[in-house]
Protein backbone atom coordinates (compact mmCIF):
# COMPACT_ATOMS: atom_id res chain seq x y z
CA MET A 1 1.51 8.94 43.34
CA LYS A 2 1.85 9.92 39.45
CA VAL A 3 -1.75 11.32 38.15
CA LEU A 4 -2.57 12.20 34.36
CA VAL A 5 -4.54 15.36 33.61
CA THR A 6 -6.44 15.45 30.55
CA GLY A 7 -7.65 18.88 29.28
CA ALA A 8 -4.75 19.98 31.72
CA ASN A 9 -4.81 23.65 30.20
CA GLY A 10 -8.08 24.61 30.19
CA PHE A 11 -9.83 26.45 32.76
CA MET A 12 -10.32 23.54 35.79
CA GLY A 13 -7.11 22.04 34.86
CA GLN A 14 -4.69 25.02 35.19
CA HIS A 15 -5.94 25.44 39.08
CA LEU A 16 -5.78 21.78 39.41
CA VAL A 17 -2.18 20.74 38.54
CA PRO A 18 -0.59 23.24 40.85
CA HIS A 19 -3.27 21.88 43.37
CA LEU A 20 -1.88 18.45 42.81
CA ARG A 21 1.78 18.87 42.91
CA ALA A 22 1.04 20.81 45.95
CA ALA A 23 -0.31 18.13 47.72
CA GLY A 24 2.77 16.04 46.92
CA HIS A 25 1.87 14.15 43.68
CA GLN A 26 3.48 13.69 40.28
CA VAL A 27 1.15 15.28 37.22
CA ARG A 28 1.66 14.50 33.81
CA ALA A 29 -0.48 16.90 31.73
CA MET A 30 -2.09 16.14 28.59
CA VAL A 31 -2.79 18.68 25.91
CA GLN A 32 -4.53 18.65 22.59
CA PRO A 33 -2.59 19.37 19.78
CA GLY A 34 -3.10 22.58 18.62
CA THR A 35 -4.17 24.65 21.70
CA ASP A 36 -2.07 26.53 23.88
CA ALA A 37 0.16 24.31 26.50
CA ARG A 38 2.10 27.37 27.59
CA PRO A 39 -0.04 27.70 30.61
CA VAL A 40 0.70 24.35 32.06
CA GLU A 41 4.24 24.05 30.89
CA LYS A 42 5.63 25.17 34.35
CA LEU A 43 3.06 24.05 36.38
CA ALA A 44 3.22 20.52 35.70
CA ASP A 45 6.51 17.78 36.62
CA GLU A 46 5.58 17.19 32.10
CA VAL A 47 3.05 17.83 29.13
CA VAL A 48 2.22 15.49 26.38
CA LEU A 49 0.49 16.45 23.45
CA ALA A 50 -1.82 13.85 22.42
CA ASP A 51 -5.67 13.70 20.88
CA LEU A 52 -8.44 11.64 22.83
CA ARG A 53 -9.03 10.79 19.12
CA ASP A 54 -5.91 9.12 18.10
CA ALA A 55 -6.17 5.49 19.77
CA ALA A 56 -3.29 4.57 19.05
CA ARG A 57 -1.44 7.34 20.97
CA LEU A 58 -3.00 6.85 23.91
CA PRO A 59 -1.25 3.90 25.55
CA GLU A 60 1.85 5.80 25.66
CA VAL A 61 0.46 8.82 27.59
CA VAL A 62 -0.95 6.52 30.10
CA THR A 63 2.27 4.47 30.72
CA GLY A 64 3.51 4.68 34.47
CA VAL A 65 0.28 6.60 35.60
CA ASP A 66 -0.99 5.50 38.95
CA VAL A 67 -4.79 7.67 38.43
CA VAL A 68 -6.22 9.56 35.73
CA VAL A 69 -7.95 12.38 36.02
CA HIS A 70 -10.33 13.43 33.26
CA LEU A 71 -11.37 16.49 32.32
CA ALA A 72 -11.16 17.12 28.46
CA ALA A 73 -14.67 17.29 26.41
CA VAL A 74 -16.28 19.02 24.04
CA VAL A 75 -18.65 21.27 25.83
CA SER A 76 -21.79 22.97 24.26
CA ASP A 77 -25.17 23.38 24.72
CA PHE A 78 -25.82 23.70 20.73
CA GLY A 79 -24.84 20.73 17.87
CA PRO A 80 -25.42 17.42 16.84
CA ILE A 81 -24.35 14.54 18.81
CA ARG A 82 -21.43 13.36 16.47
CA LYS A 83 -19.88 16.91 17.71
CA TYR A 84 -19.60 15.50 20.83
CA PHE A 85 -19.55 11.70 20.17
CA ALA A 86 -15.97 11.34 18.83
CA VAL A 87 -14.70 12.98 22.02
CA ASN A 88 -16.85 12.14 24.73
CA VAL A 89 -17.55 8.92 24.02
CA ARG A 90 -14.78 7.06 21.47
CA GLY A 91 -12.12 9.28 23.12
CA LEU A 92 -13.30 8.42 26.60
CA ARG A 93 -13.49 4.83 25.73
CA GLY A 94 -9.72 4.91 24.34
CA LEU A 95 -8.40 6.54 27.27
CA LEU A 96 -10.28 4.08 29.11
CA ASP A 97 -8.75 1.15 28.04
CA ALA A 98 -5.62 2.46 27.74
CA SER A 99 -5.47 3.31 31.53
CA ILE A 100 -6.45 0.00 32.21
CA ALA A 101 -4.15 -1.89 29.98
CA ALA A 102 -1.35 0.33 31.51
CA GLY A 103 -2.39 -0.55 35.09
CA ALA A 104 -3.77 2.67 36.31
CA ARG A 105 -5.45 2.12 39.78
CA ARG A 106 -8.03 4.81 39.59
CA PHE A 107 -9.82 6.59 36.64
CA VAL A 108 -11.90 9.90 37.71
CA PHE A 109 -14.37 11.20 35.21
CA MET A 110 -15.31 14.90 35.21
CA SER A 111 -18.95 14.46 34.23
CA SER A 112 -21.72 17.20 34.36
CA LEU A 113 -25.17 18.01 35.98
CA ALA A 114 -26.18 17.61 32.34
CA VAL A 115 -27.16 14.51 32.67
CA HIS A 116 -30.17 14.94 34.86
CA ALA A 117 -33.36 16.18 32.81
CA TYR A 118 -33.97 19.92 33.55
CA THR A 119 -37.37 19.56 35.13
CA GLY A 120 -36.89 21.19 38.39
CA HIS A 121 -34.79 20.37 41.21
CA PRO A 122 -34.42 22.26 44.39
CA ASP A 123 -32.94 19.34 46.34
CA GLY A 124 -30.86 16.62 44.22
CA ASP A 125 -28.42 14.43 44.83
CA GLU A 126 -26.39 11.98 43.53
CA LYS A 127 -29.18 9.77 44.00
CA THR A 128 -31.50 12.01 41.02
CA PRO A 129 -31.88 10.10 38.42
CA ALA A 130 -29.61 10.69 35.43
CA ASP A 131 -32.41 10.83 32.55
CA VAL A 132 -31.14 13.63 29.96
CA ARG A 133 -33.64 13.38 27.05
CA TRP A 134 -32.39 15.65 24.35
CA LEU A 135 -29.00 17.55 25.10
CA ALA A 136 -26.43 16.02 23.14
CA TYR A 137 -23.74 16.97 25.82
CA GLY A 138 -25.51 15.64 28.76
CA ILE A 139 -26.37 12.60 26.60
CA THR A 140 -22.87 11.77 25.79
CA LYS A 141 -21.71 12.60 29.69
CA ARG A 142 -24.13 10.04 30.80
CA ARG A 143 -23.02 7.32 28.70
CA GLY A 144 -19.13 8.52 29.97
CA GLU A 145 -20.57 7.59 33.39
CA GLN A 146 -21.70 4.04 32.51
CA MET A 147 -18.74 3.34 30.63
CA VAL A 148 -16.71 3.85 33.65
CA ALA A 149 -19.08 2.42 36.17
CA GLU A 150 -19.28 -0.70 34.09
CA ALA A 151 -15.62 -0.91 34.09
CA ASP A 152 -15.18 -0.16 38.07
CA ALA A 153 -18.19 -3.16 38.79
CA ALA A 154 -16.03 -5.66 36.30
CA GLY A 155 -13.17 -5.21 38.73
CA ARG A 156 -11.28 -3.17 35.82
CA ILE A 157 -10.21 -0.36 37.38
CA GLU A 158 -11.71 2.16 40.05
CA SER A 159 -13.79 4.56 38.65
CA VAL A 160 -14.62 7.93 40.62
CA VAL A 161 -17.56 10.03 38.82
CA ILE A 162 -17.73 13.76 39.50
CA ARG A 163 -20.63 15.97 38.40
CA PRO A 164 -19.17 20.03 39.34
CA GLY A 165 -22.06 22.73 40.70
CA LEU A 166 -23.93 23.80 37.42
CA PHE A 167 -21.90 27.55 38.03
CA PRO A 168 -18.04 26.59 38.04
CA PHE A 169 -16.37 29.66 38.43
CA GLY A 170 -12.95 30.95 38.92
CA PRO A 171 -9.90 33.14 37.82
CA GLY A 172 -9.40 32.51 34.20
CA ASP A 173 -13.36 31.39 33.91
CA ARG A 174 -13.76 33.25 30.43
CA GLN A 175 -16.50 31.09 29.50
CA ASN A 176 -19.02 31.19 32.17
CA PHE A 177 -17.84 34.13 34.37
CA GLY A 178 -16.62 35.99 31.84
CA ARG A 179 -19.55 35.71 29.40
CA LEU A 180 -22.08 36.78 32.03
CA ALA A 181 -19.64 39.48 33.43
CA ARG A 182 -19.45 40.96 29.81
CA SER A 183 -23.34 41.12 29.41
CA LEU A 184 -23.97 42.59 32.89
CA GLN A 185 -21.66 45.08 31.45
CA SER A 186 -23.78 45.80 28.77
CA GLY A 187 -27.33 46.70 30.89
CA LEU A 188 -29.01 43.94 28.25
CA LEU A 189 -28.94 40.76 30.26
CA PRO A 190 -32.37 39.61 31.17
CA LEU A 191 -33.55 37.67 34.12
CA VAL A 192 -36.17 34.46 32.96
CA ASP A 193 -39.10 33.86 35.49
CA GLU A 194 -37.78 36.94 37.72
CA GLY A 195 -34.47 34.75 38.30
CA LYS A 196 -35.93 32.58 41.10
CA ALA A 197 -34.48 29.46 40.33
CA GLN A 198 -32.37 28.09 42.50
CA ILE A 199 -28.56 27.01 41.60
CA CYS A 200 -25.71 25.40 42.96
CA THR A 201 -22.21 27.06 42.30
CA ALA A 202 -18.55 25.60 42.48
CA TYR A 203 -15.60 27.72 43.31
CA VAL A 204 -12.77 26.97 41.21
CA GLU A 205 -10.50 26.21 44.29
CA ASN A 206 -13.00 24.56 46.20
CA LEU A 207 -13.92 21.81 43.06
CA VAL A 208 -10.35 21.10 42.82
CA GLN A 209 -9.98 20.24 46.38
CA GLY A 210 -13.02 17.96 45.85
CA VAL A 211 -10.99 16.58 42.26
CA ARG A 212 -7.81 15.77 44.79
CA LEU A 213 -9.98 13.73 47.05
CA CYS A 214 -11.53 11.97 44.52
CA ALA A 215 -8.42 10.82 43.00
CA GLU A 216 -6.54 10.14 46.73
CA HIS A 217 -9.41 8.96 48.96
CA PRO A 218 -9.94 4.99 49.70
CA ARG A 219 -13.52 5.40 50.23
CA ALA A 220 -14.30 7.15 46.97
CA ALA A 221 -13.84 4.42 44.47
CA GLY A 222 -16.98 3.32 42.83
CA ARG A 223 -18.76 6.25 44.07
CA THR A 224 -20.26 9.60 42.17
CA TYR A 225 -20.00 12.81 44.19
CA VAL A 226 -21.56 16.46 43.37
CA LEU A 227 -18.98 18.98 43.96
CA ALA A 228 -19.90 22.31 44.70
CA ASP A 229 -19.81 25.34 46.91
CA GLY A 230 -22.58 23.98 49.32
CA VAL A 231 -24.50 27.30 49.00
CA ARG A 232 -28.04 28.00 48.00
CA THR A 233 -28.59 31.05 45.53
CA THR A 234 -30.83 32.31 42.65
CA TRP A 235 -29.97 33.63 39.36
CA LYS A 236 -31.13 37.15 40.62
CA ASP A 237 -28.79 36.97 43.26
CA LEU A 238 -25.72 35.30 41.80
CA LEU A 239 -26.42 37.94 38.93
CA THR A 240 -26.67 41.10 40.79
CA ARG A 241 -23.01 39.78 42.66
CA ILE A 242 -21.53 39.71 39.78
CA ALA A 243 -22.60 42.71 38.36
CA GLU A 244 -21.53 44.60 41.82
CA ALA A 245 -18.27 43.14 41.96
CA THR A 246 -17.48 43.85 38.43
CA GLY A 247 -19.00 47.42 37.62
CA GLY A 248 -21.86 46.07 36.04
CA ARG A 249 -25.32 46.85 35.84
CA PRO A 250 -27.57 44.12 37.56
CA PRO A 251 -30.37 42.81 35.29
CA ARG A 252 -33.92 44.80 35.84
CA ARG A 253 -35.87 43.08 32.94
CA SER A 254 -36.91 39.75 33.32
CA LEU A 255 -38.72 37.52 30.31
CA PRO A 256 -41.19 34.64 30.73
CA SER A 257 -40.17 31.43 30.56
CA GLY A 258 -42.66 29.92 27.77
CA ALA A 259 -41.81 32.95 25.43
CA ALA A 260 -37.70 32.69 25.95
CA LEU A 261 -37.93 28.99 25.55
CA ALA A 262 -40.39 29.66 22.01
CA VAL A 263 -37.74 32.62 20.75
CA ALA A 264 -34.52 29.87 21.72
CA THR A 265 -36.50 26.70 19.99
CA ALA A 266 -36.82 29.68 17.01
CA TRP A 267 -33.24 30.32 17.24
CA GLU A 268 -31.55 26.86 17.30
CA THR A 269 -33.64 25.82 14.12
CA LEU A 270 -32.40 28.39 12.38
CA ALA A 271 -28.87 28.05 13.35
CA THR A 272 -29.21 24.66 12.44
CA ILE A 273 -29.81 25.49 8.80
CA PHE A 274 -27.76 28.47 8.27
CA ARG A 275 -25.14 28.66 10.55
CA PRO A 276 -24.83 24.98 12.34
CA ASP A 277 -20.96 25.93 13.05
CA ARG A 278 -21.42 28.29 15.43
CA ASP A 279 -23.78 28.41 18.81
CA PRO A 280 -27.21 30.69 18.57
CA MET A 281 -27.18 33.50 21.31
CA LEU A 282 -30.32 31.88 22.90
CA THR A 283 -30.02 28.14 23.03
CA ARG A 284 -33.17 25.97 25.08
CA TYR A 285 -30.54 24.84 27.68
CA ARG A 286 -29.57 28.56 28.50
CA VAL A 287 -33.52 29.07 29.45
CA GLU A 288 -34.06 25.94 30.84
CA VAL A 289 -31.09 26.35 33.56
CA ALA A 290 -32.24 29.94 34.06
CA ALA A 291 -36.05 28.97 34.46
CA ARG A 292 -35.74 25.70 36.52
CA ASP A 293 -34.60 24.90 40.18
CA LEU A 294 -31.06 23.01 39.85
CA TYR A 295 -29.34 22.84 43.32
CA PHE A 296 -27.81 19.62 44.25
CA GLY A 297 -26.31 19.62 47.65
CA ILE A 298 -22.87 17.74 48.67
CA ASP A 299 -23.60 15.87 51.91
CA ARG A 300 -22.08 12.52 50.29
CA ALA A 301 -18.71 14.33 49.60
CA ARG A 302 -18.53 16.17 52.90
CA ALA A 303 -19.44 12.88 54.51
CA GLU A 304 -17.66 10.56 52.77
CA LEU A 305 -14.33 12.60 51.73
CA GLY A 306 -14.01 15.50 54.20
CA TYR A 307 -14.97 17.54 51.72
CA ASP A 308 -14.73 21.38 52.62
CA PRO A 309 -15.46 24.13 50.77
CA LYS A 310 -13.74 27.10 52.25
CA ILE A 311 -13.80 29.80 50.15
CA SER A 312 -17.22 31.83 50.28
CA LEU A 313 -19.74 32.68 47.25
CA ASP A 314 -18.79 36.42 48.13
CA GLU A 315 -14.68 35.67 48.00
CA GLY A 316 -15.18 33.80 44.94
CA ILE A 317 -16.45 36.29 43.36
CA ARG A 318 -14.21 38.91 44.71
CA ARG A 319 -10.91 36.99 43.53
CA THR A 320 -12.93 35.93 39.66
CA ALA A 321 -14.00 39.68 39.46
CA GLU A 322 -10.39 40.76 40.32
CA TRP A 323 -8.91 38.50 37.88
CA TRP A 324 -11.48 39.61 35.03
CA LEU A 325 -11.06 43.47 35.79
CA ASP A 326 -7.13 42.89 35.69
CA ALA A 327 -7.53 40.56 32.50
CA ARG A 328 -10.10 43.50 30.75
CA THR A 329 -7.57 46.29 31.23
CA VAL A 330 -4.41 44.28 29.86
CA SER A 331 -6.76 43.66 26.68
CA ARG A 332 -7.66 46.92 25.89
CA ALA A 333 -4.16 48.21 26.84
CA ALA A 334 -3.18 45.78 24.07
């Protein structure tokens, strides 16, 4: 089948595109103009430059496509909702409508566990309410889930919603793994509440296997899936493993979540006034995900899709650390 992947030159897209092609699918890679398309030029069958905010361009992008895998989004944990709405809601609406008009069969939407209020979820799953209250990114992702579900319920197109594990990572990941590795090198990264909160990870090779199944499997139509590694870990354990793999210093200090949340709130307030164009160093989101359990199971994906994450957490960290150390060496040499 022919698959359109949006955000194809991003971290996840660079792994998904060759994975889909290896499975025998044709891939059209959609890349945001002004971003670097070179990472996917040799990976995809074709590359198109298009902005999700340009609704007039989208019908051409989806022409002849069987399945759309929509990865592109504005991703951040700080800023006014208008920052996210233009791409994550209006852009999604334009792409969804164009896909339906072009006769695409299925629309696979990459959502987020940020659709949930971070009140503590030690055993979450797809039935856990999507009740995000204040995080703008999560609110727009929840609206996106509603839009594709409504289209599916109306019989306009098959939809599949994916919520990846809280910590997606792998080679090429400069946002999650790279940022933590740099902080651990400095030895200044503290834990929150002793790092006891439980989380779920999503190594990228496991994740793209699940995304492919969501694009292919007949049973996936109309369903929502958590795609994670199926491993229960804590922030302290995860950060210690990353530090050991990258030559960093395991965190020893810990901040109480109440104090950290107060500092984050003040930092966000000052950033809103003086530097609204830049993320503050500490946000309420980062404190809440570090302080409260956010473990979501993958039983539904295992049972319905045959999802089987084969790369262990230790192996995933080893491979990612190897990439990060090599990339850092090259950067220093340049």
